[in-house]
Amino acid sequence: SLLKMSERSQPLETTPPVQVHEIILQRGSAGMGFHIRGGCDNQHLPGDPGIFVTRIKEGLAAHNDGRLKEGDKILEVDGYSLRTVTHNEAVSLFLRAGQTCKLLVES
């Protein structure tokens, strides 16, 4: 039977909604300005092979832009998926990215 919202003891969703957004960063002389961890060969979170931002370097591109946060999961770099790559493959994609880098990020 259907229940009215007021009759439910808990909301249907118990986890906060995931937001996916695009961030375009201009590479500085010292790179993008963040550290990553993870990969299918070295999971940062158990059961999740994703690539995660673990540190934002103050004064560099990601910090100055302000949208990328520690804990964010990077899904794509310039259209290349990071969902099932090794850590070294992810690093290579970041190093090959041009002066302008487009990230698809889940936060």
N, C-alpha and C. Protein backbone atom coordinates (compact mmCIF):
# COMPACT_ATOMS: atom_id res chain seq x y z
N SER A 1 0.84 -1.19 0.00
CA SER A 1 0.00 0.00 0.00
C SER A 1 0.88 1.25 0.00
N LEU A 2 0.35 2.32 -0.54
CA LEU A 2 1.08 3.58 -0.59
C LEU A 2 0.92 4.32 0.72
N LEU A 3 1.98 4.93 1.16
CA LEU A 3 1.93 5.73 2.38
C LEU A 3 2.13 7.19 2.02
N LYS A 4 1.47 8.04 2.74
CA LYS A 4 1.72 9.47 2.58
C LYS A 4 3.10 9.77 3.16
N MET A 5 3.72 10.82 2.67
CA MET A 5 5.05 11.19 3.15
C MET A 5 5.05 11.34 4.66
N SER A 6 3.99 11.87 5.24
CA SER A 6 3.95 12.09 6.69
C SER A 6 3.85 10.78 7.46
N GLU A 7 3.47 9.68 6.79
CA GLU A 7 3.35 8.40 7.48
C GLU A 7 4.62 7.57 7.43
N ARG A 8 5.58 7.98 6.62
CA ARG A 8 6.83 7.24 6.53
C ARG A 8 7.71 7.57 7.73
N SER A 9 8.43 6.56 8.21
CA SER A 9 9.31 6.81 9.35
C SER A 9 10.64 7.40 8.91
N GLN A 10 11.07 7.11 7.66
CA GLN A 10 12.34 7.62 7.16
C GLN A 10 12.17 8.03 5.70
N PRO A 11 12.98 8.98 5.24
CA PRO A 11 12.95 9.30 3.81
C PRO A 11 13.45 8.10 3.00
N LEU A 12 13.07 8.03 1.74
CA LEU A 12 13.47 6.91 0.90
C LEU A 12 14.98 6.89 0.68
N GLU A 13 15.59 8.05 0.45
CA GLU A 13 17.03 8.10 0.22
C GLU A 13 17.74 8.41 1.53
N THR A 14 18.72 7.56 1.85
CA THR A 14 19.45 7.76 3.10
C THR A 14 20.85 8.32 2.85
N THR A 15 21.29 8.34 1.57
CA THR A 15 22.60 8.90 1.27
C THR A 15 22.40 10.21 0.50
N PRO A 16 23.32 11.14 0.67
CA PRO A 16 23.18 12.41 -0.05
C PRO A 16 23.29 12.17 -1.56
N PRO A 17 22.60 12.96 -2.37
CA PRO A 17 22.68 12.76 -3.82
C PRO A 17 24.08 13.06 -4.34
N VAL A 18 24.51 12.29 -5.32
CA VAL A 18 25.81 12.48 -5.94
C VAL A 18 25.67 13.54 -7.02
N GLN A 19 26.61 14.45 -7.08
CA GLN A 19 26.59 15.48 -8.12
C GLN A 19 27.78 15.26 -9.04
N VAL A 20 27.52 15.26 -10.35
CA VAL A 20 28.57 15.13 -11.34
C VAL A 20 28.64 16.46 -12.09
N HIS A 21 29.83 17.02 -12.19
CA HIS A 21 29.98 18.29 -12.87
C HIS A 21 31.30 18.35 -13.64
N GLU A 22 31.35 19.25 -14.60
CA GLU A 22 32.53 19.43 -15.42
C GLU A 22 33.33 20.61 -14.89
N ILE A 23 34.64 20.41 -14.80
CA ILE A 23 35.55 21.47 -14.36
C ILE A 23 36.64 21.60 -15.41
N ILE A 24 36.84 22.80 -15.90
CA ILE A 24 37.92 23.05 -16.85
C ILE A 24 39.00 23.85 -16.14
N LEU A 25 40.20 23.27 -16.09
CA LEU A 25 41.33 23.92 -15.41
C LEU A 25 42.38 24.33 -16.42
N GLN A 26 43.00 25.46 -16.17
CA GLN A 26 44.15 25.92 -16.95
C GLN A 26 45.41 25.49 -16.21
N ARG A 27 46.18 24.63 -16.85
CA ARG A 27 47.41 24.11 -16.22
C ARG A 27 48.37 25.27 -15.95
N GLY A 28 48.89 25.31 -14.74
CA GLY A 28 49.90 26.31 -14.40
C GLY A 28 51.30 25.75 -14.65
N SER A 29 52.31 26.53 -14.38
CA SER A 29 53.69 26.08 -14.58
C SER A 29 54.03 24.91 -13.66
N ALA A 30 53.31 24.78 -12.54
CA ALA A 30 53.55 23.69 -11.59
C ALA A 30 52.48 22.60 -11.70
N GLY A 31 51.76 22.54 -12.83
CA GLY A 31 50.77 21.50 -13.03
C GLY A 31 49.38 21.94 -12.61
N MET A 32 48.51 20.95 -12.40
CA MET A 32 47.11 21.21 -12.08
C MET A 32 46.91 21.61 -10.61
N GLY A 33 47.81 21.16 -9.76
CA GLY A 33 47.74 21.59 -8.37
C GLY A 33 46.93 20.70 -7.45
N PHE A 34 46.89 19.40 -7.75
CA PHE A 34 46.23 18.47 -6.83
C PHE A 34 46.89 17.09 -6.88
N HIS A 35 46.72 16.33 -5.81
CA HIS A 35 47.23 14.97 -5.72
C HIS A 35 46.05 14.00 -5.86
N ILE A 36 46.35 12.82 -6.43
CA ILE A 36 45.32 11.79 -6.55
C ILE A 36 45.79 10.50 -5.91
N ARG A 37 44.80 9.68 -5.53
CA ARG A 37 45.05 8.31 -5.07
C ARG A 37 44.00 7.43 -5.69
N GLY A 38 44.28 6.14 -5.69
CA GLY A 38 43.31 5.17 -6.19
C GLY A 38 43.75 4.52 -7.48
N GLY A 39 42.80 3.86 -8.11
CA GLY A 39 43.05 3.08 -9.32
C GLY A 39 42.68 1.63 -9.07
N CYS A 40 42.44 0.89 -10.16
CA CYS A 40 42.00 -0.49 -9.99
C CYS A 40 43.08 -1.37 -9.36
N ASP A 41 44.34 -0.92 -9.40
CA ASP A 41 45.44 -1.69 -8.81
C ASP A 41 45.76 -1.27 -7.38
N ASN A 42 45.17 -0.17 -6.91
CA ASN A 42 45.51 0.36 -5.59
C ASN A 42 44.33 1.19 -5.08
N GLN A 43 43.27 0.53 -4.67
CA GLN A 43 42.02 1.22 -4.32
C GLN A 43 42.20 2.12 -3.11
N HIS A 44 41.74 3.37 -3.28
CA HIS A 44 41.76 4.34 -2.18
C HIS A 44 40.64 4.03 -1.20
N LEU A 45 39.47 3.68 -1.73
CA LEU A 45 38.33 3.24 -0.92
C LEU A 45 38.05 1.79 -1.25
N PRO A 46 37.95 0.92 -0.25
CA PRO A 46 37.71 -0.50 -0.51
C PRO A 46 36.48 -0.71 -1.41
N GLY A 47 36.66 -1.49 -2.47
CA GLY A 47 35.56 -1.79 -3.37
C GLY A 47 35.32 -0.75 -4.44
N ASP A 48 36.11 0.34 -4.47
CA ASP A 48 35.93 1.39 -5.46
C ASP A 48 37.27 1.64 -6.17
N PRO A 49 37.36 1.26 -7.46
CA PRO A 49 38.62 1.44 -8.19
C PRO A 49 38.86 2.85 -8.70
N GLY A 50 38.03 3.80 -8.30
CA GLY A 50 38.10 5.16 -8.82
C GLY A 50 39.34 5.93 -8.41
N ILE A 51 39.49 7.09 -9.06
CA ILE A 51 40.61 8.01 -8.79
C ILE A 51 40.05 9.18 -7.97
N PHE A 52 40.66 9.43 -6.83
CA PHE A 52 40.16 10.44 -5.90
C PHE A 52 41.18 11.54 -5.65
N VAL A 53 40.68 12.76 -5.46
CA VAL A 53 41.53 13.89 -5.10
C VAL A 53 41.82 13.79 -3.61
N THR A 54 43.10 13.78 -3.26
CA THR A 54 43.45 13.67 -1.84
C THR A 54 44.06 14.95 -1.27
N ARG A 55 44.50 15.84 -2.16
CA ARG A 55 45.09 17.08 -1.66
C ARG A 55 45.02 18.15 -2.75
N ILE A 56 44.65 19.35 -2.36
CA ILE A 56 44.66 20.51 -3.24
C ILE A 56 45.82 21.40 -2.80
N LYS A 57 46.71 21.72 -3.73
CA LYS A 57 47.86 22.56 -3.40
C LYS A 57 47.48 24.04 -3.46
N GLU A 58 47.71 24.71 -2.37
CA GLU A 58 47.34 26.12 -2.27
C GLU A 58 48.08 26.96 -3.30
N GLY A 59 47.33 27.88 -3.93
CA GLY A 59 47.92 28.83 -4.87
C GLY A 59 48.09 28.32 -6.29
N LEU A 60 47.74 27.05 -6.54
CA LEU A 60 47.88 26.50 -7.89
C LEU A 60 46.50 26.38 -8.56
N ALA A 61 46.48 25.87 -9.79
CA ALA A 61 45.28 25.92 -10.64
C ALA A 61 44.00 25.43 -9.96
N ALA A 62 44.01 24.24 -9.38
CA ALA A 62 42.78 23.70 -8.78
C ALA A 62 42.32 24.54 -7.59
N HIS A 63 43.26 24.98 -6.78
CA HIS A 63 42.93 25.81 -5.61
C HIS A 63 42.37 27.16 -6.05
N ASN A 64 43.00 27.77 -7.04
CA ASN A 64 42.55 29.09 -7.51
C ASN A 64 41.18 29.01 -8.15
N ASP A 65 40.89 27.89 -8.85
CA ASP A 65 39.57 27.71 -9.47
C ASP A 65 38.49 27.53 -8.40
N GLY A 66 38.79 26.75 -7.35
CA GLY A 66 37.90 26.63 -6.21
C GLY A 66 36.81 25.57 -6.27
N ARG A 67 36.63 24.89 -7.40
CA ARG A 67 35.53 23.92 -7.51
C ARG A 67 35.93 22.51 -7.13
N LEU A 68 37.16 22.11 -7.42
CA LEU A 68 37.62 20.76 -7.10
C LEU A 68 37.91 20.67 -5.60
N LYS A 69 37.42 19.61 -4.97
CA LYS A 69 37.58 19.46 -3.52
C LYS A 69 38.27 18.15 -3.18
N GLU A 70 38.95 18.14 -2.04
CA GLU A 70 39.51 16.89 -1.54
C GLU A 70 38.38 15.91 -1.31
N GLY A 71 38.57 14.67 -1.77
CA GLY A 71 37.52 13.65 -1.66
C GLY A 71 36.72 13.47 -2.93
N ASP A 72 36.81 14.43 -3.86
CA ASP A 72 36.11 14.30 -5.14
C ASP A 72 36.66 13.11 -5.91
N LYS A 73 35.79 12.46 -6.68
CA LYS A 73 36.17 11.35 -7.55
C LYS A 73 36.23 11.87 -8.98
N ILE A 74 37.37 11.68 -9.64
CA ILE A 74 37.52 12.15 -11.02
C ILE A 74 37.13 11.02 -11.95
N LEU A 75 36.07 11.24 -12.72
CA LEU A 75 35.54 10.21 -13.61
C LEU A 75 36.22 10.22 -14.98
N GLU A 76 36.56 11.41 -15.47
CA GLU A 76 37.17 11.53 -16.80
C GLU A 76 38.16 12.68 -16.83
N VAL A 77 39.18 12.53 -17.69
CA VAL A 77 40.13 13.59 -18.00
C VAL A 77 40.12 13.76 -19.51
N ASP A 78 39.72 14.92 -19.98
CA ASP A 78 39.66 15.20 -21.42
C ASP A 78 38.92 14.11 -22.20
N GLY A 79 37.86 13.58 -21.61
CA GLY A 79 37.04 12.58 -22.28
C GLY A 79 37.50 11.14 -22.08
N TYR A 80 38.66 10.93 -21.46
CA TYR A 80 39.15 9.58 -21.19
C TYR A 80 38.66 9.13 -19.81
N SER A 81 38.04 7.97 -19.77
CA SER A 81 37.48 7.47 -18.52
C SER A 81 38.58 7.05 -17.54
N LEU A 82 38.38 7.39 -16.27
CA LEU A 82 39.28 6.95 -15.19
C LEU A 82 38.61 5.89 -14.32
N ARG A 83 37.46 5.39 -14.77
CA ARG A 83 36.66 4.49 -13.92
C ARG A 83 37.35 3.16 -13.65
N THR A 84 38.15 2.67 -14.60
CA THR A 84 38.79 1.36 -14.42
C THR A 84 40.26 1.37 -14.84
N VAL A 85 40.97 2.44 -14.54
CA VAL A 85 42.39 2.52 -14.89
C VAL A 85 43.26 2.26 -13.66
N THR A 86 44.53 1.92 -13.92
CA THR A 86 45.48 1.82 -12.82
C THR A 86 45.88 3.22 -12.39
N HIS A 87 46.52 3.32 -11.25
CA HIS A 87 46.98 4.62 -10.77
C HIS A 87 47.94 5.25 -11.79
N ASN A 88 48.90 4.46 -12.29
CA ASN A 88 49.88 5.00 -13.24
C ASN A 88 49.22 5.43 -14.54
N GLU A 89 48.21 4.72 -15.00
CA GLU A 89 47.49 5.13 -16.21
C GLU A 89 46.81 6.48 -15.99
N ALA A 90 46.23 6.66 -14.80
CA ALA A 90 45.59 7.94 -14.48
C ALA A 90 46.62 9.07 -14.47
N VAL A 91 47.76 8.84 -13.85
CA VAL A 91 48.82 9.86 -13.81
C VAL A 91 49.25 10.21 -15.23
N SER A 92 49.40 9.21 -16.09
CA SER A 92 49.80 9.44 -17.49
C SER A 92 48.78 10.32 -18.21
N LEU A 93 47.50 10.08 -17.97
CA LEU A 93 46.46 10.89 -18.62
C LEU A 93 46.54 12.35 -18.17
N PHE A 94 46.81 12.56 -16.90
CA PHE A 94 46.95 13.94 -16.41
C PHE A 94 48.20 14.60 -17.01
N LEU A 95 49.28 13.85 -17.12
CA LEU A 95 50.51 14.42 -17.67
C LEU A 95 50.37 14.74 -19.15
N ARG A 96 49.57 13.95 -19.87
CA ARG A 96 49.36 14.17 -21.31
C ARG A 96 48.32 15.25 -21.60
N ALA A 97 47.56 15.63 -20.59
CA ALA A 97 46.52 16.66 -20.79
C ALA A 97 47.19 17.95 -21.23
N GLY A 98 46.49 18.70 -22.04
CA GLY A 98 47.04 19.95 -22.56
C GLY A 98 47.03 21.06 -21.54
N GLN A 99 47.23 22.27 -22.03
CA GLN A 99 47.23 23.46 -21.18
C GLN A 99 45.87 23.65 -20.52
N THR A 100 44.81 23.27 -21.25
CA THR A 100 43.46 23.31 -20.72
C THR A 100 43.01 21.88 -20.52
N CYS A 101 42.58 21.54 -19.32
CA CYS A 101 42.20 20.17 -18.99
C CYS A 101 40.74 20.14 -18.54
N LYS A 102 39.95 19.25 -19.16
CA LYS A 102 38.54 19.14 -18.82
C LYS A 102 38.34 17.89 -17.94
N LEU A 103 37.83 18.11 -16.75
CA LEU A 103 37.59 17.02 -15.80
C LEU A 103 36.09 16.80 -15.63
N LEU A 104 35.69 15.53 -15.54
CA LEU A 104 34.34 15.19 -15.13
C LEU A 104 34.47 14.65 -13.71
N VAL A 105 33.80 15.30 -12.77
CA VAL A 105 34.04 15.05 -11.35
C VAL A 105 32.75 14.71 -10.63
N GLU A 106 32.85 13.74 -9.72
CA GLU A 106 31.71 13.36 -8.87
C GLU A 106 32.03 13.81 -7.45
N SER A 107 31.09 14.56 -6.86
CA SER A 107 31.32 15.02 -5.49
C SER A 107 30.08 14.86 -4.65
